[in-house]
Amino acid sequence: LLQLQESGGGSVQAGGSLRLSCATSLTIYPGRGGFCLAWFRQIPGKEREGVARIYTDTGSKYYIGSVEGRFTISQDSGAKGLLFNMSNLKPKDRGTYYCAAMSFPFPNMYEPTCKIASDTQFGYWGQGTQVTVSS
């Protein structure tokens, strides 16, 4: 059973940087992992929003427009985690950030399914880490 645990949240001023980590209980090898790994965020009173994702079989990445060029999603070199480098943070980036995963039974066939427009297909979630950005 895959378990996820986030760390690295905190408080920064606008323009600052944070690096979030998500430890995975299983080894997920880049290039053959069979997973869609993603970061979502949520502000109280609002729906959870997909921010970025990586399809491990090909390494393809997707970001929502508001974070493209500022945030970078990657797998760590030890294949036991997901990283999220966030720079030039803005107050609107605040929220609880969640690591999520979607697993697939076969390799290299599911990239069209690896989408963050909805969180319903992600079956594995971490508990979240808080990010606060002050202006």
Protein backbone atom coordinates (compact mmCIF):
# COMPACT_ATOMS: atom_id res chain seq x y z
CA LEU A 1 0.00 0.00 0.00
CA LEU A 2 1.40 3.36 -1.00
CA GLN A 3 1.67 5.92 1.75
CA LEU A 4 2.64 9.57 1.30
CA GLN A 5 4.02 12.06 3.81
CA GLU A 6 4.65 15.72 3.05
CA SER A 7 7.17 18.00 4.72
CA GLY A 8 8.79 21.36 4.11
CA GLY A 9 5.94 23.80 4.50
CA GLY A 10 6.36 27.05 6.36
CA SER A 11 5.94 30.79 6.32
CA VAL A 12 7.75 33.07 3.91
CA GLN A 13 7.44 36.58 2.62
CA ALA A 14 6.29 37.25 -0.92
CA GLY A 15 9.13 36.62 -3.33
CA GLY A 16 10.60 33.91 -1.14
CA SER A 17 11.09 30.21 -1.82
CA LEU A 18 10.11 26.91 -0.25
CA ARG A 19 10.86 23.31 -1.07
CA LEU A 20 8.21 20.73 -0.31
CA SER A 21 9.00 17.03 -0.10
CA CYS A 22 6.71 14.02 -0.25
CA ALA A 23 8.14 10.76 1.00
CA THR A 24 6.68 7.65 -0.60
CA SER A 25 6.51 4.28 1.12
CA LEU A 26 7.20 2.51 -2.17
CA THR A 27 10.09 2.99 -4.58
CA ILE A 28 8.83 4.72 -7.72
CA TYR A 29 11.48 4.64 -10.41
CA PRO A 30 11.56 7.49 -12.91
CA GLY A 31 10.90 6.10 -16.36
CA ARG A 32 9.01 3.02 -15.23
CA GLY A 33 7.07 3.93 -12.14
CA GLY A 34 3.52 3.55 -13.39
CA PHE A 35 2.28 6.51 -11.38
CA CYS A 36 0.87 9.97 -11.78
CA LEU A 37 2.28 12.05 -8.91
CA ALA A 38 0.87 15.46 -8.17
CA TRP A 39 0.68 18.42 -5.84
CA PHE A 40 -2.67 19.92 -4.90
CA ARG A 41 -3.41 22.86 -2.64
CA GLN A 42 -6.41 24.01 -0.70
CA ILE A 43 -7.45 27.21 1.03
CA PRO A 44 -10.18 26.97 3.70
CA GLY A 45 -13.58 27.38 2.10
CA LYS A 46 -12.36 26.57 -1.38
CA GLU A 47 -12.09 23.38 -3.39
CA ARG A 48 -8.79 21.59 -3.62
CA GLU A 49 -6.84 22.75 -6.68
CA GLY A 50 -4.36 20.74 -8.73
CA VAL A 51 -1.10 22.66 -9.13
CA ALA A 52 1.33 20.34 -10.91
CA ARG A 53 1.82 16.72 -11.87
CA ILE A 54 4.44 14.34 -13.24
CA TYR A 55 3.77 11.12 -15.13
CA THR A 56 6.58 8.89 -13.92
CA ASP A 57 6.77 6.63 -16.98
CA THR A 58 7.81 9.45 -19.30
CA GLY A 59 8.72 12.21 -16.89
CA SER A 60 6.26 14.56 -18.54
CA LYS A 61 5.20 17.45 -16.35
CA TYR A 62 2.26 19.82 -16.27
CA TYR A 63 1.70 23.02 -14.30
CA ILE A 64 -1.25 25.29 -13.98
CA GLY A 65 -0.64 28.65 -15.57
CA SER A 66 -0.39 30.65 -12.37
CA VAL A 67 2.68 28.70 -11.17
CA GLU A 68 4.43 27.87 -14.45
CA GLY A 69 7.96 29.22 -14.44
CA ARG A 70 7.97 29.57 -10.65
CA PHE A 71 7.36 26.02 -9.40
CA THR A 72 9.15 22.80 -10.37
CA ILE A 73 7.93 19.27 -9.71
CA SER A 74 10.41 16.40 -9.76
CA GLN A 75 11.12 12.96 -8.38
CA ASP A 76 14.00 12.69 -5.99
CA SER A 77 17.10 10.81 -7.07
CA GLY A 78 16.46 8.00 -4.62
CA ALA A 79 13.05 7.23 -6.19
CA LYS A 80 11.41 7.41 -2.78
CA GLY A 81 9.89 10.84 -3.01
CA LEU A 82 8.42 13.75 -4.86
CA LEU A 83 9.84 17.26 -4.65
CA PHE A 84 8.25 20.65 -5.24
CA ASN A 85 10.49 23.67 -5.54
CA MET A 86 8.48 26.87 -5.23
CA SER A 87 10.07 30.24 -5.92
CA ASN A 88 8.87 33.82 -6.19
CA LEU A 89 5.98 32.89 -3.94
CA LYS A 90 2.93 35.09 -3.92
CA PRO A 91 0.25 35.50 -1.25
CA LYS A 92 -2.20 33.68 -3.53
CA ASP A 93 0.04 30.58 -3.32
CA ARG A 94 -0.85 30.09 0.34
CA GLY A 95 -2.71 27.01 1.47
CA THR A 96 -2.36 23.44 2.56
CA TYR A 97 -0.33 21.53 -0.01
CA TYR A 98 -1.07 17.86 -0.56
CA CYS A 99 0.94 15.21 -2.32
CA ALA A 100 -1.22 12.77 -4.29
CA ALA A 101 -0.72 9.67 -6.40
CA MET A 102 -2.60 7.70 -9.00
CA SER A 103 -1.32 4.20 -9.85
CA PHE A 104 -1.67 2.35 -13.14
CA PRO A 105 -1.53 -1.40 -13.84
CA PHE A 106 0.57 -1.15 -17.00
CA PRO A 107 3.40 1.15 -18.07
CA ASN A 108 3.37 3.86 -20.71
CA MET A 109 -0.36 3.76 -21.47
CA TYR A 110 -1.98 6.20 -19.09
CA GLU A 111 -0.53 9.65 -19.64
CA PRO A 112 -3.91 11.04 -20.85
CA THR A 113 -5.35 9.97 -17.51
CA CYS A 114 -2.68 11.81 -15.54
CA LYS A 115 -4.58 15.06 -15.13
CA ILE A 116 -5.06 17.41 -12.19
CA ALA A 117 -8.28 19.11 -13.27
CA SER A 118 -10.01 16.85 -10.76
CA ASP A 119 -8.74 15.07 -7.66
CA THR A 120 -11.20 12.20 -7.79
CA GLN A 121 -8.93 9.72 -9.57
CA PHE A 122 -6.09 10.14 -7.11
CA GLY A 123 -6.35 7.30 -4.64
CA TYR A 124 -3.42 8.10 -2.41
CA TRP A 125 -3.00 11.29 -0.39
CA GLY A 126 -0.67 12.72 2.18
CA GLN A 127 -1.91 14.63 5.19
CA GLY A 128 -0.80 18.01 3.87
CA THR A 129 1.70 20.68 4.79
CA GLN A 130 0.90 24.33 5.37
CA VAL A 131 2.33 27.15 3.25
CA THR A 132 1.87 30.74 4.32
CA VAL A 133 3.01 33.67 2.18
CA SER A 134 2.86 37.16 3.63
CA SER A 135 2.82 40.29 1.54
